[in-house]
Amino acid sequence: MKTILFFLLIFCTVVSSAYGELTDQDLDKIRLIVKEEIEDEVNPIKSEISSMKSEIASVKENMASLNGRVGGIEKQITWLMGIIIVAIGIPQVIVAWRSRKDREQDRRIEELAREIESLKQRQIVNP
């Protein structure tokens, strides 16, 4: 019975300290510990973010230079297309104009041939 009573007294003293409230100093210590733990975790993330920002800045610079190059290439392609259209289009127009002229001449030659034929027929009939 003495041993049970002894253990109960020890248990009660240990348990009674658990009912004690935290003081402001205890809370400040806890906050400081938590803050240090968070800073230990956040600092590597901050360094990664700063390196990513610098990478993004370099990528933006590269994109700007690429946009300039692409703009120059677009201008060159536009000029090249214009030259090709002129080089192909002008001969096509000339060929179309000549073929129309040739058709008109052929038609005129046929008319004259018919007229000559009719004049020959008249001379043979009316000599």
Protein backbone atom coordinates (compact mmCIF):
# COMPACT_ATOMS: atom_id res chain seq x y z
CA MET A 1 0.00 0.00 0.00
CA LYS A 2 2.89 2.30 0.78
CA THR A 3 4.33 1.72 -2.65
CA ILE A 4 1.03 2.49 -4.34
CA LEU A 5 0.69 5.68 -2.30
CA PHE A 6 4.27 6.63 -3.15
CA PHE A 7 3.68 6.12 -6.88
CA LEU A 8 0.45 8.10 -6.70
CA LEU A 9 2.24 11.04 -5.10
CA ILE A 10 4.99 10.98 -7.73
CA PHE A 11 2.40 10.68 -10.49
CA CYS A 12 0.42 13.62 -9.13
CA THR A 13 3.50 15.83 -8.93
CA VAL A 14 4.42 14.99 -12.48
CA VAL A 15 0.86 15.52 -13.69
CA SER A 16 0.40 18.78 -11.79
CA SER A 17 3.24 20.38 -13.79
CA ALA A 18 1.35 19.49 -16.97
CA TYR A 19 -1.50 21.74 -15.87
CA GLY A 20 0.79 24.77 -15.71
CA GLU A 21 0.30 27.56 -18.27
CA LEU A 22 2.90 28.77 -20.73
CA THR A 23 4.44 32.11 -19.95
CA ASP A 24 5.17 34.84 -22.50
CA GLN A 25 8.85 33.90 -22.39
CA ASP A 26 8.00 30.30 -23.23
CA LEU A 27 5.84 31.42 -26.15
CA ASP A 28 8.61 33.73 -27.38
CA LYS A 29 11.10 30.87 -27.27
CA ILE A 30 8.70 28.65 -29.20
CA ARG A 31 8.14 31.39 -31.78
CA LEU A 32 11.90 31.88 -32.14
CA ILE A 33 12.47 28.17 -32.67
CA VAL A 34 9.65 27.94 -35.20
CA LYS A 35 10.95 31.04 -36.99
CA GLU A 36 14.45 29.58 -37.22
CA GLU A 37 13.07 26.30 -38.57
CA ILE A 38 11.02 28.13 -41.18
CA GLU A 39 14.00 30.28 -42.21
CA ASP A 40 16.10 27.15 -42.63
CA GLU A 41 13.48 25.79 -45.02
CA VAL A 42 12.71 29.08 -46.78
CA ASN A 43 16.29 30.24 -47.51
CA PRO A 44 17.02 27.51 -50.10
CA ILE A 45 13.67 28.21 -51.74
CA LYS A 46 14.48 31.94 -51.90
CA SER A 47 17.83 31.22 -53.53
CA GLU A 48 16.14 28.94 -56.08
CA ILE A 49 13.57 31.63 -56.84
CA SER A 50 16.28 34.24 -57.38
CA SER A 51 18.17 31.90 -59.74
CA MET A 52 14.93 31.20 -61.61
CA LYS A 53 14.31 34.95 -61.94
CA SER A 54 17.74 35.43 -63.48
CA GLU A 55 17.11 32.52 -65.85
CA ILE A 56 13.76 34.00 -66.84
CA ALA A 57 15.43 37.35 -67.52
CA SER A 58 18.01 35.69 -69.77
CA VAL A 59 15.25 33.77 -71.56
CA LYS A 60 13.36 37.04 -72.13
CA GLU A 61 16.49 38.59 -73.61
CA ASN A 62 16.93 35.58 -75.89
CA MET A 63 13.29 35.78 -76.95
CA ALA A 64 13.67 39.48 -77.77
CA SER A 65 16.70 38.78 -79.95
CA LEU A 66 14.88 35.88 -81.63
CA ASN A 67 11.89 38.12 -82.32
CA GLY A 68 14.21 40.60 -84.01
CA ARG A 69 15.77 37.85 -86.10
CA VAL A 70 12.39 36.42 -87.05
CA GLY A 71 11.21 39.88 -88.05
CA GLY A 72 14.24 40.26 -90.32
CA ILE A 73 13.65 36.84 -91.83
CA GLU A 74 9.98 37.70 -92.44
CA LYS A 75 11.02 40.84 -94.31
CA GLN A 76 13.50 38.86 -96.41
CA ILE A 77 10.89 36.22 -97.23
CA THR A 78 8.40 38.94 -98.20
CA TRP A 79 10.91 40.54 -100.57
CA LEU A 80 11.86 37.14 -101.99
CA MET A 81 8.20 36.30 -102.62
CA GLY A 82 7.75 39.64 -104.36
CA ILE A 83 10.76 39.00 -106.58
CA ILE A 84 9.52 35.50 -107.42
CA ILE A 85 6.05 36.80 -108.25
CA VAL A 86 7.52 39.48 -110.51
CA ALA A 87 9.93 37.00 -112.12
CA ILE A 88 7.14 34.54 -112.86
CA GLY A 89 4.26 36.97 -113.35
CA ILE A 90 5.79 39.28 -115.97
CA PRO A 91 6.66 36.45 -118.39
CA GLN A 92 3.18 34.99 -117.90
CA VAL A 93 1.60 38.34 -118.76
CA ILE A 94 3.83 38.69 -121.82
CA VAL A 95 2.97 35.15 -122.99
CA ALA A 96 -0.74 35.79 -122.50
CA TRP A 97 -0.53 39.08 -124.38
CA ARG A 98 1.39 37.45 -127.27
CA SER A 99 -1.01 34.53 -127.50
CA ARG A 100 -3.95 36.92 -127.65
CA LYS A 101 -2.16 38.94 -130.31
CA ASP A 102 -1.37 35.73 -132.21
CA ARG A 103 -5.01 34.65 -132.07
CA GLU A 104 -6.09 38.02 -133.40
CA GLN A 105 -3.56 37.75 -136.23
CA ASP A 106 -4.69 34.19 -137.02
CA ARG A 107 -8.29 35.34 -137.13
CA ARG A 108 -7.37 38.25 -139.37
CA ILE A 109 -5.36 35.96 -141.66
CA GLU A 110 -8.33 33.58 -141.95
CA GLU A 111 -10.62 36.51 -142.83
CA LEU A 112 -8.21 37.72 -145.46
CA ALA A 113 -7.81 34.20 -146.83
CA ARG A 114 -11.60 33.88 -147.13
CA GLU A 115 -11.79 37.27 -148.74
CA ILE A 116 -9.05 36.32 -151.23
CA GLU A 117 -10.84 33.07 -151.93
CA SER A 118 -14.10 34.90 -152.54
CA LEU A 119 -12.33 37.39 -154.84
CA LYS A 120 -10.78 34.51 -156.77
CA GLN A 121 -14.18 32.93 -157.12
CA ARG A 122 -15.64 36.20 -158.42
CA GLN A 123 -12.87 36.66 -160.96
CA ILE A 124 -13.26 33.13 -162.22
CA VAL A 125 -16.99 33.57 -162.51
CA ASN A 126 -16.90 37.13 -163.94
CA PRO A 127 -14.01 37.24 -166.41
